[in-house]
Amino acid sequence: MTSDGANLGFFPVATFPDSVAFDGENIWGTDSVGDSVVKFRASDGLNLGTFSAGAVPRSIAFDGANMWVTNGSGNTVTKP
């Protein structure tokens, strides 16, 4: 963690990143063009996988056990 605002790195999500969320261990980012979410290890940004998240995933939230993603197309919520 930096206290001076220095950039700690760039971690590619995919075509169009929209939102991020933290699950206590990992960072998740939505890709609204790729219809997916990407999971990164918070400690070093290692890509841990890309997961289908329904059509046009936008916002993402953690409920203590699962990630939930709103979908901009079809007015649905997905649990990847």
Protein backbone atom coordinates (compact mmCIF):
# COMPACT_ATOMS: atom_id res chain seq x y z
CA MET A 1 0.00 0.00 0.00
CA THR A 2 1.21 3.45 -0.80
CA SER A 3 0.48 6.58 1.16
CA ASP A 4 1.92 9.03 -1.37
CA GLY A 5 -0.46 8.30 -4.27
CA ALA A 6 2.18 6.48 -6.32
CA ASN A 7 0.87 4.08 -8.96
CA LEU A 8 1.44 0.47 -7.88
CA GLY A 9 0.79 -1.08 -11.29
CA PHE A 10 -1.58 -1.62 -14.18
CA PHE A 11 -3.60 -4.83 -14.32
CA PRO A 12 -5.51 -5.45 -17.56
CA VAL A 13 -9.13 -6.49 -17.13
CA ALA A 14 -10.12 -6.70 -20.78
CA THR A 15 -11.84 -4.51 -23.35
CA PHE A 16 -13.97 -2.20 -21.20
CA PRO A 17 -13.48 -2.31 -17.42
CA ASP A 18 -16.38 -0.80 -15.52
CA SER A 19 -16.33 -1.64 -11.78
CA VAL A 20 -14.16 -3.31 -9.16
CA ALA A 21 -14.88 -5.05 -5.85
CA PHE A 22 -12.83 -6.68 -3.10
CA ASP A 23 -13.86 -10.04 -1.60
CA GLY A 24 -11.46 -10.00 1.35
CA GLU A 25 -8.70 -11.75 -0.64
CA ASN A 26 -9.06 -10.83 -4.30
CA ILE A 27 -9.99 -7.93 -6.54
CA TRP A 28 -12.71 -8.50 -9.15
CA GLY A 29 -13.20 -6.28 -12.22
CA THR A 30 -16.11 -6.24 -14.64
CA ASP A 31 -15.66 -6.19 -18.42
CA SER A 32 -18.93 -4.95 -19.89
CA VAL A 33 -17.90 -5.64 -23.50
CA GLY A 34 -16.51 -9.13 -22.81
CA ASP A 35 -19.52 -10.16 -20.67
CA SER A 36 -17.15 -11.33 -17.95
CA VAL A 37 -15.43 -10.57 -14.67
CA VAL A 38 -11.72 -10.94 -14.01
CA LYS A 39 -10.34 -12.08 -10.66
CA PHE A 40 -6.96 -10.76 -9.46
CA ARG A 41 -4.94 -11.71 -6.40
CA ALA A 42 -4.89 -8.53 -4.33
CA SER A 43 -1.34 -9.03 -3.07
CA ASP A 44 0.34 -8.86 -6.49
CA GLY A 45 -2.30 -8.45 -9.22
CA LEU A 46 -1.87 -11.96 -10.64
CA ASN A 47 -4.80 -12.79 -12.95
CA LEU A 48 -6.61 -15.76 -11.37
CA GLY A 49 -9.18 -16.19 -14.13
CA THR A 50 -11.94 -14.76 -16.27
CA PHE A 51 -15.52 -15.79 -15.57
CA SER A 52 -18.76 -15.39 -17.49
CA ALA A 53 -20.98 -12.75 -15.89
CA GLY A 54 -24.05 -12.40 -18.10
CA ALA A 55 -24.68 -9.72 -20.70
CA VAL A 56 -23.02 -6.33 -20.19
CA PRO A 57 -21.84 -6.70 -16.57
CA ARG A 58 -21.66 -3.30 -14.85
CA SER A 59 -21.55 -3.09 -11.07
CA ILE A 60 -20.16 -5.77 -8.78
CA ALA A 61 -20.57 -6.38 -5.04
CA PHE A 62 -19.51 -8.94 -2.44
CA ASP A 63 -22.04 -10.21 0.14
CA GLY A 64 -19.55 -11.97 2.40
CA ALA A 65 -19.75 -15.24 0.46
CA ASN A 66 -20.48 -14.49 -3.23
CA MET A 67 -19.86 -11.89 -5.89
CA TRP A 68 -22.97 -10.38 -7.49
CA VAL A 69 -22.93 -8.54 -10.83
CA THR A 70 -25.61 -6.29 -12.31
CA ASN A 71 -26.23 -6.77 -16.01
CA GLY A 72 -26.92 -3.76 -18.19
CA SER A 73 -28.68 -5.87 -20.79
CA GLY A 74 -31.72 -7.83 -19.70
CA ASN A 75 -32.07 -6.12 -16.29
CA THR A 76 -30.69 -9.09 -14.37
CA VAL A 77 -28.17 -9.92 -11.64
CA THR A 78 -25.59 -12.67 -12.13
CA LYS A 79 -23.62 -14.67 -9.56
CA PRO A 80 -20.42 -15.75 -11.41
